[in-house]
Amino acid sequence: MASIRLDRIAAEHAVARVARVHYLGADRSTRGDWYTYYGAEAFILCAQQAPQDIAGGRLQDWAVRPFCGNPADSVRYWVTGPADDHPSMLYNPLARVRRAANWDDRGETHPRGTGPDLWVEVPVPAGEHRLSLYFVNDHNYYEPRRTYTVSVFDANGDYQAGVDVNDFVNGVYHQFAVSGPGTVTVCISRNLSMNVLLSGVFLDPLTDTIVRQAPTSAAWRDWASRHERHLSSADERKAFAAAVRSMSTGGDRSSIPVLSRLLASALSARQYGVAMWAADAKRRALSGRRDALQWHLQEIMSGFSTPVRVQAPMETQVVLARPFLQTVCGRYLDAGSEGLTGYRLAAFYRNTAWAHEASNPQLACLAYERLRAAVGEAGLAPEDHYRMAFVAPDPIADTPRLERILAAYPGLPNRAALQMQLLGRYLNAGRTQDAEGLIREMRTADIDETTTANAVLNLGVHHLSLKRVDSARACFEEVAGRHGAGHWALVAQQYLGAAPFVE
């Protein structure tokens, strides 16, 4: 089977440039927090929006193609459930949760030792890059002796590099240096495992521009070396802290210019892990300078909240480093509220929330939460309840507030927008019956057809993610049939024209 597959690779890429490959090592400490280091150029979070991936990065249309070794099989896009808190599971920036999802070679339908194996064709742009593959021995169906063999071939079908994958219940990134332009094909052999599971594919520059902003002392060179290898996030962070301490001879504030350069470079490169370390170190250096500290934290919030283009399958904008943004927002409120009590404290939280509702909803939501803690539920004005519903980032926890507002204030402006937010919370929580009831209410209300079509389409996508093909088809057919040539009708037609509706 392998020789037939390699012959096909060579034939398909007979005129392609040959990419060079060598193995770099394994990273077992980053785990599901891929956004801290991986995917600056391109990323694919396998099946995270099953039956679709989440793909993004600076490269436009990175056409990675997974396929099975047996031509009769197609890759399964598998998601175990809406959310999974295990730290090995990749963070889903659209759902804002960790999720157990992967490409699967359907090996469970074949006798052990007979493949079909998972193959991945990866285009490599010009230059030197780091190609990383993320594997998890999923705890939901853990297999104690699960092992794979990864083999990387060039466009001629010649073997270039490889590694065994084992001991990965907590997740492992296997990294390869690849040079292009060209194409490489990765074979992930099932061996005697139940099946092959691949959770993520990432591409980054091999030469890191961030280290050029660091001083040339021995401590900084040690950090730079660890950063470029990136085999342990924990060891790299310790080296970064040691390098910052090595500058303390000039006082804590002597490190601020260096940290500012590193921070700006890391944010530009989407190396959010290094950016957070530099931001923390600069925050400590600014301790006692309230105005400068708040200005610094405001800049960091802006940097972490920069949206990134993703496709899943439609193109949208998301904030990748939202967990870090949440932390920085908390520190901003801590710095601004220091020494305030009573009415002044409540006024600070309320004014901060109102000022940032549009520019930074995460900060606004956290400010409202602290306002509620300061004055109690009874101390919140009706306008506070209304505003809090629009900025709440938690797809499940704020559901009761939305339900209360919609029940108590039937004449609210933008009621349809609130209903769409409630629908999203129901779907994320798996409350399908409540979602269907809400859509029935929206159909009978005086709501524009575009909003109703959007709601029904989202319900269809939810059914599809749970493998309820007939229910999904009914939703898509309703949108396509009742809403003409509108945008959501076209999207529904795209769904109906693809698997599993069309074989």
Protein backbone atom coordinates (compact mmCIF):
# COMPACT_ATOMS: atom_id res chain seq x y z
CA MET A 1 0.00 0.00 0.00
CA ALA A 2 2.79 2.48 0.93
CA SER A 3 4.69 1.93 -2.33
CA ILE A 4 1.51 2.52 -4.36
CA ARG A 5 0.84 5.69 -2.42
CA LEU A 6 4.40 6.99 -2.89
CA ASP A 7 4.23 6.31 -6.62
CA ARG A 8 1.07 8.38 -6.76
CA ILE A 9 2.74 11.23 -4.82
CA ALA A 10 5.66 11.30 -7.23
CA ALA A 11 3.34 11.28 -10.24
CA GLU A 12 1.16 14.10 -8.90
CA HIS A 13 4.18 16.31 -8.18
CA ALA A 14 6.42 15.41 -11.10
CA VAL A 15 7.17 19.05 -11.85
CA ALA A 16 7.05 20.34 -8.27
CA ARG A 17 9.98 21.80 -6.38
CA VAL A 18 11.38 19.42 -3.75
CA ALA A 19 11.17 20.66 -0.16
CA ARG A 20 13.96 19.75 2.26
CA VAL A 21 12.98 18.37 5.66
CA HIS A 22 14.62 17.46 8.96
CA TYR A 23 13.22 16.66 12.40
CA LEU A 24 13.58 19.30 15.14
CA GLY A 25 12.11 17.72 18.27
CA ALA A 26 9.03 17.33 20.46
CA ASP A 27 7.23 19.90 22.61
CA ARG A 28 5.21 18.33 25.44
CA SER A 29 4.61 21.44 27.56
CA THR A 30 2.52 23.77 25.37
CA ARG A 31 -0.33 21.25 25.20
CA GLY A 32 -3.66 22.68 24.07
CA ASP A 33 -2.54 26.33 24.28
CA TRP A 34 -1.35 26.35 20.68
CA TYR A 35 -1.94 30.09 20.21
CA THR A 36 0.93 30.89 22.61
CA TYR A 37 3.54 29.79 20.07
CA TYR A 38 2.20 27.99 16.98
CA GLY A 39 0.41 28.98 13.78
CA ALA A 40 1.78 32.46 13.03
CA GLU A 41 1.94 31.66 9.31
CA ALA A 42 -0.87 29.15 9.14
CA PHE A 43 -2.84 26.77 11.33
CA ILE A 44 -5.48 24.08 10.97
CA LEU A 45 -7.42 22.96 14.04
CA CYS A 46 -8.65 19.62 12.78
CA ALA A 47 -12.44 19.12 12.83
CA GLN A 48 -12.94 21.78 15.52
CA GLN A 49 -16.14 22.85 13.76
CA ALA A 50 -16.96 19.34 12.56
CA PRO A 51 -17.48 18.53 9.79
CA GLN A 52 -15.21 21.53 9.13
CA ASP A 53 -11.80 22.61 10.37
CA ILE A 54 -10.80 26.00 11.74
CA ALA A 55 -8.03 27.39 9.52
CA GLY A 56 -6.21 30.70 9.64
CA GLY A 57 -2.92 32.55 9.73
CA ARG A 58 -1.11 34.96 7.45
CA LEU A 59 -0.99 32.54 4.51
CA GLN A 60 -4.06 32.78 2.32
CA ASP A 61 -5.65 29.44 1.43
CA TRP A 62 -3.05 27.03 2.87
CA ALA A 63 -4.33 24.02 0.94
CA VAL A 64 -3.39 21.17 3.30
CA ARG A 65 -5.09 17.96 2.16
CA PRO A 66 -5.69 14.96 4.44
CA PHE A 67 -6.52 11.58 2.92
CA CYS A 68 -6.54 7.91 3.86
CA GLY A 69 -4.13 5.27 2.62
CA ASN A 70 -7.07 3.25 1.35
CA PRO A 71 -8.72 5.20 -1.51
CA ALA A 72 -12.07 3.66 -0.57
CA ASP A 73 -11.95 5.45 2.81
CA SER A 74 -12.42 9.15 3.50
CA VAL A 75 -10.98 11.00 6.47
CA ARG A 76 -13.41 11.21 9.37
CA TYR A 77 -13.83 14.66 10.95
CA TRP A 78 -14.52 13.74 14.55
CA VAL A 79 -15.50 15.89 17.52
CA THR A 80 -16.28 14.24 20.85
CA GLY A 81 -18.38 17.02 22.37
CA PRO A 82 -18.93 20.80 22.58
CA ALA A 83 -16.26 21.32 25.26
CA ASP A 84 -13.56 19.42 27.15
CA ASP A 85 -11.58 20.99 29.99
CA HIS A 86 -8.60 18.64 29.71
CA PRO A 87 -5.53 20.86 29.14
CA SER A 88 -4.33 18.67 26.25
CA MET A 89 -7.35 19.64 24.14
CA LEU A 90 -6.78 22.43 21.66
CA TYR A 91 -8.34 25.79 22.43
CA ASN A 92 -11.12 26.64 19.98
CA PRO A 93 -11.06 30.44 19.43
CA LEU A 94 -14.56 30.50 17.92
CA ALA A 95 -16.33 28.62 20.73
CA ARG A 96 -13.83 29.96 23.33
CA VAL A 97 -13.50 26.51 24.89
CA ARG A 98 -11.19 23.53 24.63
CA ARG A 99 -12.58 20.84 22.37
CA ALA A 100 -11.65 17.22 21.66
CA ALA A 101 -11.54 16.97 17.86
CA ASN A 102 -9.37 15.31 15.24
CA TRP A 103 -8.91 13.85 11.80
CA ASP A 104 -9.35 10.07 11.95
CA ASP A 105 -8.13 7.52 9.37
CA ARG A 106 -11.08 5.18 10.20
CA GLY A 107 -8.59 2.56 11.34
CA GLU A 108 -11.17 1.28 13.82
CA THR A 109 -13.03 -0.22 10.84
CA HIS A 110 -9.96 -2.23 9.72
CA PRO A 111 -8.06 -5.10 11.38
CA ARG A 112 -5.11 -3.95 13.46
CA GLY A 113 -1.88 -3.61 11.52
CA THR A 114 -3.62 -3.08 8.17
CA GLY A 115 -3.81 0.73 8.02
CA PRO A 116 -5.31 2.55 6.28
CA ASP A 117 -3.11 5.25 7.94
CA LEU A 118 -3.57 9.01 7.68
CA TRP A 119 -1.75 10.95 4.96
CA VAL A 120 -1.43 14.72 4.86
CA GLU A 121 -0.23 16.67 1.83
CA VAL A 122 1.31 19.99 2.92
CA PRO A 123 2.30 22.83 0.55
CA VAL A 124 5.44 24.62 1.73
CA PRO A 125 5.90 28.27 0.69
CA ALA A 126 9.29 29.75 -0.17
CA GLY A 127 11.72 30.04 2.72
CA GLU A 128 12.51 28.15 5.92
CA HIS A 129 9.60 27.06 8.10
CA ARG A 130 8.66 24.99 11.13
CA LEU A 131 5.93 22.41 10.42
CA SER A 132 4.33 21.12 13.63
CA LEU A 133 1.86 18.26 14.04
CA TYR A 134 -0.15 18.01 17.26
CA PHE A 135 -1.20 14.61 18.59
CA VAL A 136 -3.34 13.71 21.62
CA ASN A 137 -4.09 10.22 22.91
CA ASP A 138 -7.61 11.41 23.70
CA HIS A 139 -8.57 10.63 27.31
CA ASN A 140 -12.19 10.11 26.17
CA TYR A 141 -11.18 6.85 24.46
CA TYR A 142 -7.66 6.41 25.76
CA GLU A 143 -5.59 3.55 24.36
CA PRO A 144 -2.63 2.70 26.66
CA ARG A 145 -0.22 1.47 23.97
CA ARG A 146 -1.25 3.83 21.19
CA THR A 147 1.79 4.60 18.98
CA TYR A 148 2.21 6.00 15.49
CA THR A 149 5.11 6.36 13.10
CA VAL A 150 5.38 9.66 11.23
CA SER A 151 7.25 9.63 7.91
CA VAL A 152 7.74 12.74 5.78
CA PHE A 153 8.29 12.41 2.03
CA ASP A 154 9.20 14.99 -0.57
CA ALA A 155 7.33 15.56 -3.82
CA ASN A 156 9.29 12.74 -5.49
CA GLY A 157 8.15 10.26 -2.84
CA ASP A 158 11.62 10.11 -1.24
CA TYR A 159 11.79 9.72 2.54
CA GLN A 160 13.11 12.84 4.29
CA ALA A 161 12.53 12.52 8.05
CA GLY A 162 10.41 10.75 10.63
CA VAL A 163 9.62 10.13 14.29
CA ASP A 164 7.64 7.76 16.51
CA VAL A 165 4.67 9.21 18.42
CA ASN A 166 4.11 7.74 21.86
CA ASP A 167 3.22 8.68 25.47
CA PHE A 168 0.97 11.54 24.36
CA VAL A 169 -2.12 11.53 26.58
CA ASN A 170 -1.10 15.08 27.54
CA GLY A 171 -0.42 16.08 23.94
CA VAL A 172 2.79 16.48 21.91
CA TYR A 173 3.87 18.74 19.05
CA HIS A 174 6.33 17.03 16.71
CA GLN A 175 8.25 19.68 14.79
CA PHE A 176 10.01 19.52 11.43
CA ALA A 177 12.13 22.10 9.62
CA VAL A 178 10.90 22.39 6.02
CA SER A 179 12.20 24.58 3.21
CA GLY A 180 10.26 25.60 0.15
CA PRO A 181 8.75 26.22 -2.21
CA GLY A 182 7.60 22.67 -2.61
CA THR A 183 5.29 20.04 -1.19
CA VAL A 184 5.77 17.43 1.49
CA THR A 185 3.53 14.48 2.22
CA VAL A 186 3.26 13.16 5.76
CA CYS A 187 2.31 9.54 6.41
CA ILE A 188 1.09 8.82 9.96
CA SER A 189 1.15 5.04 10.27
CA ARG A 190 -1.40 3.51 12.57
CA ASN A 191 0.86 0.54 13.47
CA LEU A 192 -1.14 -1.62 15.91
CA SER A 193 -3.22 1.22 17.35
CA MET A 194 -7.00 1.45 17.04
CA ASN A 195 -6.77 4.36 14.61
CA VAL A 196 -4.77 7.50 13.76
CA LEU A 197 -5.86 10.77 15.35
CA LEU A 198 -4.36 14.13 14.35
CA SER A 199 -5.55 17.28 16.14
CA GLY A 200 -3.63 20.16 14.55
CA VAL A 201 -1.23 21.25 11.79
CA PHE A 202 0.81 24.45 12.18
CA LEU A 203 3.32 26.43 10.12
CA ASP A 204 5.69 29.08 11.51
CA PRO A 205 8.86 30.88 10.42
CA LEU A 206 11.91 28.81 11.34
CA THR A 207 14.02 31.90 12.04
CA ASP A 208 12.42 33.91 14.81
CA THR A 209 12.54 37.69 14.51
CA ILE A 210 11.79 38.20 18.21
CA VAL A 211 15.23 37.12 19.41
CA ARG A 212 16.80 39.94 17.39
CA GLN A 213 15.23 42.40 19.85
CA ALA A 214 16.95 40.80 22.85
CA PRO A 215 20.31 41.89 24.31
CA THR A 216 23.37 39.79 23.53
CA SER A 217 24.26 38.84 27.12
CA ALA A 218 24.74 35.18 28.05
CA ALA A 219 21.38 34.99 29.86
CA TRP A 220 19.49 36.39 26.88
CA ARG A 221 21.36 34.13 24.47
CA ASP A 222 20.31 31.15 26.60
CA TRP A 223 16.66 32.22 26.37
CA ALA A 224 16.94 32.89 22.61
CA SER A 225 18.37 29.41 22.03
CA ARG A 226 15.57 27.77 24.00
CA HIS A 227 12.95 29.93 22.29
CA GLU A 228 14.04 29.01 18.78
CA ARG A 229 14.13 25.29 19.65
CA HIS A 230 10.89 25.53 21.68
CA LEU A 231 11.01 22.04 23.12
CA SER A 232 9.73 23.10 26.55
CA SER A 233 7.58 26.15 27.27
CA ALA A 234 8.28 25.76 31.00
CA ASP A 235 12.08 25.79 30.57
CA GLU A 236 11.85 28.66 28.09
CA ARG A 237 9.82 30.75 30.53
CA LYS A 238 12.33 30.13 33.32
CA ALA A 239 15.14 31.22 31.01
CA PHE A 240 13.20 34.38 30.10
CA ALA A 241 12.70 35.25 33.78
CA ALA A 242 16.41 34.67 34.46
CA ALA A 243 17.35 36.95 31.55
CA VAL A 244 15.10 39.72 32.91
CA ARG A 245 16.65 39.32 36.39
CA SER A 246 20.11 39.59 34.88
CA MET A 247 19.31 43.21 33.98
CA SER A 248 18.39 44.19 37.55
CA THR A 249 21.81 45.73 38.22
CA GLY A 250 20.50 48.89 36.59
CA GLY A 251 17.26 48.80 38.60
CA ASP A 252 13.98 47.21 37.57
CA ARG A 253 13.13 50.08 35.23
CA SER A 254 16.32 49.65 33.22
CA SER A 255 14.69 46.62 31.56
CA ILE A 256 11.66 48.56 30.29
CA PRO A 257 13.07 49.53 26.84
CA VAL A 258 14.17 45.94 26.14
CA LEU A 259 10.85 44.51 27.32
CA SER A 260 8.94 47.06 25.22
CA ARG A 261 10.82 45.99 22.09
CA LEU A 262 10.31 42.30 22.83
CA LEU A 263 6.63 42.86 23.54
CA ALA A 264 6.00 44.75 20.31
CA SER A 265 7.92 42.17 18.27
CA ALA A 266 6.12 39.23 19.92
CA LEU A 267 2.68 40.73 19.32
CA SER A 268 3.56 41.44 15.69
CA ALA A 269 4.75 37.84 15.25
CA ARG A 270 1.69 36.44 17.09
CA GLN A 271 3.96 34.83 19.65
CA TYR A 272 1.48 35.45 22.42
CA GLY A 273 3.32 33.39 25.03
CA VAL A 274 6.46 35.55 24.83
CA ALA A 275 4.27 38.66 24.66
CA MET A 276 2.61 37.69 27.94
CA TRP A 277 5.96 37.06 29.65
CA ALA A 278 7.29 40.43 28.47
CA ALA A 279 4.04 42.16 29.51
CA ASP A 280 4.23 40.64 33.02
CA ALA A 281 7.88 41.63 33.42
CA LYS A 282 7.16 45.20 32.28
CA ARG A 283 4.17 45.40 34.62
CA ARG A 284 6.40 44.49 37.56
CA ALA A 285 8.96 47.07 36.46
CA LEU A 286 6.24 49.75 36.41
CA SER A 287 4.99 48.89 39.90
CA GLY A 288 4.17 52.06 41.85
CA ARG A 289 3.63 54.17 38.72
CA ARG A 290 -0.16 53.96 38.46
CA ASP A 291 -0.69 56.08 35.34
CA ALA A 292 2.17 54.43 33.43
CA LEU A 293 0.98 50.98 34.51
CA GLN A 294 -2.59 51.59 33.34
CA TRP A 295 -1.33 52.95 30.03
CA HIS A 296 0.84 49.84 29.60
CA LEU A 297 -2.06 47.51 30.40
CA GLN A 298 -4.32 49.37 27.97
CA GLU A 299 -1.74 48.90 25.21
CA ILE A 300 -1.47 45.19 26.02
CA MET A 301 -5.23 44.77 25.90
CA SER A 302 -5.19 46.36 22.46
CA GLY A 303 -2.42 44.02 21.29
CA PHE A 304 -4.07 40.84 22.57
CA SER A 305 -7.48 41.82 21.19
CA THR A 306 -6.29 42.20 17.58
CA PRO A 307 -8.59 39.99 15.47
CA VAL A 308 -7.19 37.33 13.13
CA ARG A 309 -8.80 35.97 9.97
CA VAL A 310 -10.05 32.38 10.19
CA GLN A 311 -12.24 30.13 8.06
CA ALA A 312 -14.65 27.62 9.59
CA PRO A 313 -15.84 27.23 6.83
CA MET A 314 -16.90 30.83 6.22
CA GLU A 315 -14.36 33.59 6.80
CA THR A 316 -14.63 35.50 10.06
CA GLN A 317 -12.45 37.42 12.53
CA VAL A 318 -11.55 36.06 15.97
CA VAL A 319 -9.31 36.97 18.88
CA LEU A 320 -6.84 34.10 19.32
CA ALA A 321 -5.32 35.13 22.65
CA ARG A 322 -8.61 35.67 24.50
CA PRO A 323 -7.48 33.76 27.65
CA PHE A 324 -4.52 36.14 27.97
CA LEU A 325 -6.77 39.12 27.26
CA GLN A 326 -9.00 38.09 30.16
CA THR A 327 -6.00 38.09 32.51
CA VAL A 328 -4.81 41.53 31.36
CA CYS A 329 -8.31 42.98 31.69
CA GLY A 330 -8.39 41.83 35.32
CA ARG A 331 -5.06 43.48 36.01
CA TYR A 332 -6.24 46.72 34.39
CA LEU A 333 -9.25 46.81 36.72
CA ASP A 334 -7.06 45.95 39.72
CA ALA A 335 -4.75 48.88 38.98
CA GLY A 336 -7.58 51.36 38.38
CA SER A 337 -9.66 50.38 41.40
CA GLU A 338 -6.82 50.41 43.90
CA GLY A 339 -7.83 52.49 46.92
CA LEU A 340 -11.45 53.03 45.79
CA THR A 341 -14.47 52.04 47.89
CA GLY A 342 -18.24 52.44 47.92
CA TYR A 343 -19.77 54.80 45.37
CA ARG A 344 -16.40 55.67 43.79
CA LEU A 345 -15.58 51.98 43.23
CA ALA A 346 -18.99 51.29 41.63
CA ALA A 347 -18.65 54.40 39.47
CA PHE A 348 -15.21 53.28 38.26
CA TYR A 349 -16.48 49.85 37.22
CA ARG A 350 -19.62 51.25 35.55
CA ASN A 351 -17.75 54.01 33.69
CA THR A 352 -15.06 51.57 32.56
CA ALA A 353 -17.69 49.16 31.24
CA TRP A 354 -19.57 51.90 29.37
CA ALA A 355 -16.37 53.31 27.87
CA HIS A 356 -15.17 49.93 26.51
CA GLU A 357 -18.36 48.16 25.42
CA ALA A 358 -17.55 48.63 21.73
CA SER A 359 -13.74 48.59 21.78
CA ASN A 360 -13.14 45.86 24.37
CA PRO A 361 -16.28 43.87 25.33
CA GLN A 362 -14.18 41.48 27.41
CA LEU A 363 -13.05 44.32 29.67
CA ALA A 364 -16.59 45.72 29.79
CA CYS A 365 -18.00 42.35 30.81
CA LEU A 366 -15.42 41.88 33.56
CA ALA A 367 -16.09 45.41 34.82
CA TYR A 368 -19.82 44.62 34.98
CA GLU A 369 -19.12 41.41 36.88
CA ARG A 370 -17.11 43.35 39.44
CA LEU A 371 -19.82 46.00 39.61
CA ARG A 372 -22.35 43.27 40.41
CA ALA A 373 -20.04 41.91 43.12
CA ALA A 374 -19.64 45.41 44.58
CA VAL A 375 -23.30 46.49 44.68
CA GLY A 376 -25.16 43.15 44.56
CA GLU A 377 -27.78 42.02 42.07
CA ALA A 378 -30.36 44.37 43.59
CA GLY A 379 -28.03 47.34 43.18
CA LEU A 380 -27.88 47.00 39.40
CA ALA A 381 -30.02 49.37 37.35
CA PRO A 382 -32.20 48.03 34.49
CA GLU A 383 -29.77 49.60 32.03
CA ASP A 384 -26.93 47.64 33.65
CA HIS A 385 -28.80 44.36 33.05
CA TYR A 386 -29.49 45.33 29.46
CA ARG A 387 -25.89 46.33 28.71
CA MET A 388 -24.46 43.27 30.46
CA ALA A 389 -26.43 40.99 28.15
CA PHE A 390 -24.69 42.42 25.09
CA VAL A 391 -21.11 42.14 26.32
CA ALA A 392 -21.21 38.81 28.21
CA PRO A 393 -18.54 36.56 26.61
CA ASP A 394 -19.50 33.35 28.40
CA PRO A 395 -21.72 31.34 26.01
CA ILE A 396 -23.48 29.50 28.86
CA ALA A 397 -23.17 31.24 32.24
CA ASP A 398 -25.09 34.41 31.36
CA THR A 399 -28.11 32.58 29.89
CA PRO A 400 -30.45 33.26 32.88
CA ARG A 401 -29.84 37.01 32.61
CA LEU A 402 -30.83 37.03 28.94
CA GLU A 403 -33.92 34.96 29.67
CA ARG A 404 -34.99 37.37 32.44
CA ILE A 405 -34.49 40.45 30.26
CA LEU A 406 -36.46 39.02 27.32
CA ALA A 407 -39.31 37.94 29.61
CA ALA A 408 -39.48 41.18 31.61
CA TYR A 409 -39.00 43.72 28.81
CA PRO A 410 -40.94 42.61 25.69
CA GLY A 411 -40.57 46.03 24.09
CA LEU A 412 -36.80 46.25 24.27
CA PRO A 413 -35.03 47.71 21.25
CA ASN A 414 -32.75 45.25 19.49
CA ARG A 415 -34.81 42.37 20.89
CA ALA A 416 -33.81 40.23 17.91
CA ALA A 417 -30.14 40.76 18.72
CA LEU A 418 -30.74 39.58 22.28
CA GLN A 419 -32.62 36.54 20.98
CA MET A 420 -29.70 35.65 18.71
CA GLN A 421 -27.35 35.89 21.68
CA LEU A 422 -29.63 33.62 23.70
CA LEU A 423 -29.81 31.19 20.78
CA GLY A 424 -26.02 31.01 20.70
CA ARG A 425 -25.92 30.24 24.40
CA TYR A 426 -28.52 27.48 24.04
CA LEU A 427 -26.61 25.88 21.16
CA ASN A 428 -23.25 26.06 22.95
CA ALA A 429 -24.83 24.47 26.02
CA GLY A 430 -26.43 21.70 23.93
CA ARG A 431 -29.97 22.86 24.82
CA THR A 432 -31.45 21.95 21.44
CA GLN A 433 -35.11 21.95 22.53
CA ASP A 434 -34.80 25.43 24.03
CA ALA A 435 -33.13 26.63 20.82
CA GLU A 436 -35.95 25.20 18.70
CA GLY A 437 -38.56 26.85 20.95
CA LEU A 438 -36.82 30.21 20.67
CA ILE A 439 -36.75 29.94 16.87
CA ARG A 440 -40.49 29.15 16.82
CA GLU A 441 -41.02 32.36 18.80
CA MET A 442 -38.82 34.31 16.36
CA ARG A 443 -40.79 32.97 13.37
CA THR A 444 -44.07 34.31 14.77
CA ALA A 445 -42.65 37.67 15.90
CA ASP A 446 -42.13 40.76 13.78
CA ILE A 447 -38.46 39.97 13.07
CA ASP A 448 -36.75 40.50 9.74
CA GLU A 449 -36.31 37.44 7.53
CA THR A 450 -32.50 37.72 7.49
CA THR A 451 -32.25 37.30 11.27
CA THR A 452 -34.65 34.33 11.23
CA ALA A 453 -32.68 32.70 8.41
CA ASN A 454 -29.47 33.18 10.38
CA ALA A 455 -31.08 31.55 13.44
CA VAL A 456 -32.35 28.50 11.53
CA LEU A 457 -28.99 28.10 9.76
CA ASN A 458 -27.18 28.08 13.12
CA LEU A 459 -29.57 25.42 14.37
CA GLY A 460 -28.79 23.36 11.28
CA VAL A 461 -25.04 23.64 11.87
CA HIS A 462 -25.61 22.55 15.47
CA HIS A 463 -27.56 19.46 14.33
CA LEU A 464 -24.83 18.67 11.82
CA SER A 465 -22.10 18.84 14.49
CA LEU A 466 -24.06 16.22 16.44
CA LYS A 467 -24.40 13.99 13.35
CA ARG A 468 -28.19 14.63 13.15
CA VAL A 469 -28.14 14.70 9.37
CA ASP A 470 -31.90 14.66 8.76
CA SER A 471 -32.55 17.51 11.21
CA ALA A 472 -29.70 19.51 9.71
CA ARG A 473 -31.03 18.93 6.19
CA ALA A 474 -34.47 20.19 7.22
CA CYS A 475 -33.00 23.41 8.58
CA PHE A 476 -30.81 24.05 5.54
CA GLU A 477 -33.67 23.31 3.14
CA GLU A 478 -35.92 25.73 5.03
CA VAL A 479 -33.35 28.52 4.75
CA ALA A 480 -32.59 27.77 1.09
CA GLY A 481 -36.26 27.50 0.17
CA ARG A 482 -37.86 30.31 2.16
CA HIS A 483 -35.23 33.02 1.99
CA GLY A 484 -34.51 33.25 -1.73
CA ALA A 485 -31.12 34.41 -2.90
CA GLY A 486 -30.12 36.02 0.41
CA HIS A 487 -26.73 35.46 1.96
CA TRP A 488 -27.86 32.79 4.43
CA ALA A 489 -29.72 30.95 1.68
CA LEU A 490 -26.51 30.74 -0.33
CA VAL A 491 -24.67 29.39 2.71
CA ALA A 492 -27.39 26.78 3.24
CA GLN A 493 -27.08 25.72 -0.38
CA GLN A 494 -23.32 25.28 0.09
CA TYR A 495 -23.96 22.96 3.03
CA LEU A 496 -26.56 20.98 1.08
CA GLY A 497 -24.12 20.58 -1.81
CA ALA A 498 -21.42 18.94 0.34
CA ALA A 499 -21.01 15.82 2.47
CA PRO A 500 -22.85 14.24 4.19
CA PHE A 501 -25.79 15.39 2.04
CA VAL A 502 -24.00 14.61 -1.23
CA GLU A 503 -21.85 11.48 -1.48
